[in-house]
Amino acid sequence: MEFSGLILGNVTVAPHVTLELMGMIVGELQVERSSNVRLRGMVDGNVENRGGHLEVWGTVTGKIFRKKGATIVHPEAFVKLKD
C-alpha cells in the first residue's frame, strides 16, 4: 500500500502489510509483527516497532521505539524528540 495524504489519528500497520508512507500522520504509528513500513513522509508523534521491518528516511517528531523487529534510521532522516 502506498499512502501520500494526511491522516489525523493513530495508525497501526497490520501483520503481512507493506506500507510506503510519503504523506503525513498526525498521531502515533505502530508497526505490527511481519509488516513492512518505509517511512519517507512524516509522523507527528511516536513510532513503535512491535516486530516488523521499519525503515525511516523521513521525519518523526516524537520518539522511535523498537520492541522487536528491525528498525533502520537512514542518515537523511530527521527525528526530533518532542519536549
Protein backbone atom coordinates (compact mmCIF):
# COMPACT_ATOMS: atom_id res chain seq x y z
CA MET A 1 0.00 0.00 0.00
CA GLU A 2 1.24 3.48 -0.86
CA PHE A 3 -0.10 6.50 1.01
CA SER A 4 0.62 10.14 0.23
CA GLY A 5 -2.17 12.06 2.01
CA LEU A 6 -2.89 13.22 5.55
CA ILE A 7 -4.15 11.03 8.40
CA LEU A 8 -5.38 12.64 11.62
CA GLY A 9 -5.15 9.94 14.28
CA ASN A 10 -3.18 6.84 15.15
CA VAL A 11 -2.24 4.22 12.55
CA THR A 12 -1.47 0.53 13.06
CA VAL A 13 0.07 -1.42 10.19
CA ALA A 14 -1.34 -4.97 10.39
CA PRO A 15 0.80 -8.11 10.03
CA HIS A 16 1.81 -9.01 6.47
CA VAL A 17 1.00 -5.50 5.16
CA THR A 18 3.56 -3.26 3.45
CA LEU A 19 3.12 0.50 3.73
CA GLU A 20 5.08 3.12 1.82
CA LEU A 21 4.27 6.34 3.68
CA MET A 22 5.01 9.51 1.73
CA GLY A 23 2.28 11.56 3.39
CA MET A 24 1.77 12.65 6.97
CA ILE A 25 0.33 11.03 10.09
CA VAL A 26 -0.66 13.37 12.92
CA GLY A 27 -0.65 10.74 15.65
CA GLU A 28 1.17 7.56 16.55
CA LEU A 29 2.39 4.89 14.11
CA GLN A 30 2.54 1.25 15.24
CA VAL A 31 4.31 -1.36 13.13
CA GLU A 32 3.00 -4.85 13.92
CA ARG A 33 4.94 -8.11 13.52
CA SER A 34 5.63 -9.28 9.98
CA SER A 35 4.68 -5.89 8.49
CA ASN A 36 6.93 -3.59 6.45
CA VAL A 37 6.94 0.20 6.65
CA ARG A 38 9.02 2.56 4.53
CA LEU A 39 8.57 5.99 6.07
CA ARG A 40 9.50 8.69 3.56
CA GLY A 41 6.96 11.26 4.79
CA MET A 42 6.28 12.49 8.31
CA VAL A 43 4.87 11.15 11.57
CA ASP A 44 3.93 13.89 14.04
CA GLY A 45 4.13 11.59 17.06
CA ASN A 46 5.89 8.43 18.21
CA VAL A 47 6.67 5.37 16.11
CA GLU A 48 6.68 1.92 17.71
CA ASN A 49 8.05 -1.19 16.01
CA ARG A 50 6.41 -4.29 17.52
CA GLY A 51 8.13 -6.87 15.35
CA GLY A 52 8.02 -5.64 11.78
CA HIS A 53 10.57 -4.10 9.44
CA LEU A 54 10.76 -0.30 9.68
CA GLU A 55 12.93 1.98 7.55
CA VAL A 56 12.89 5.74 8.11
CA TRP A 57 14.03 8.29 5.52
CA GLY A 58 11.53 10.99 6.51
CA THR A 59 10.66 12.91 9.68
CA VAL A 60 9.48 11.72 13.10
CA THR A 61 8.67 14.46 15.61
CA GLY A 62 8.48 12.03 18.52
CA LYS A 63 10.49 9.01 19.60
CA ILE A 64 11.13 5.75 17.78
CA PHE A 65 10.67 2.65 19.95
CA ARG A 66 11.80 -0.82 18.88
CA LYS A 67 10.27 -3.59 20.97
CA LYS A 68 11.04 -6.25 18.32
CA GLY A 69 11.85 -6.40 14.65
CA ALA A 70 14.32 -4.45 12.52
CA THR A 71 14.48 -0.67 12.60
CA ILE A 72 16.74 1.29 10.27
CA VAL A 73 17.02 5.07 10.51
CA HIS A 74 18.83 6.37 7.43
CA PRO A 75 21.25 9.31 7.71
CA GLU A 76 18.90 11.64 5.82
CA ALA A 77 16.07 11.01 8.32
CA PHE A 78 15.15 13.64 10.88
CA VAL A 79 13.97 12.53 14.31
CA LYS A 80 13.03 15.39 16.64
CA LEU A 81 12.11 14.42 20.15
CA LYS A 82 9.08 16.32 21.43
CA ASP A 83 9.59 18.38 24.57
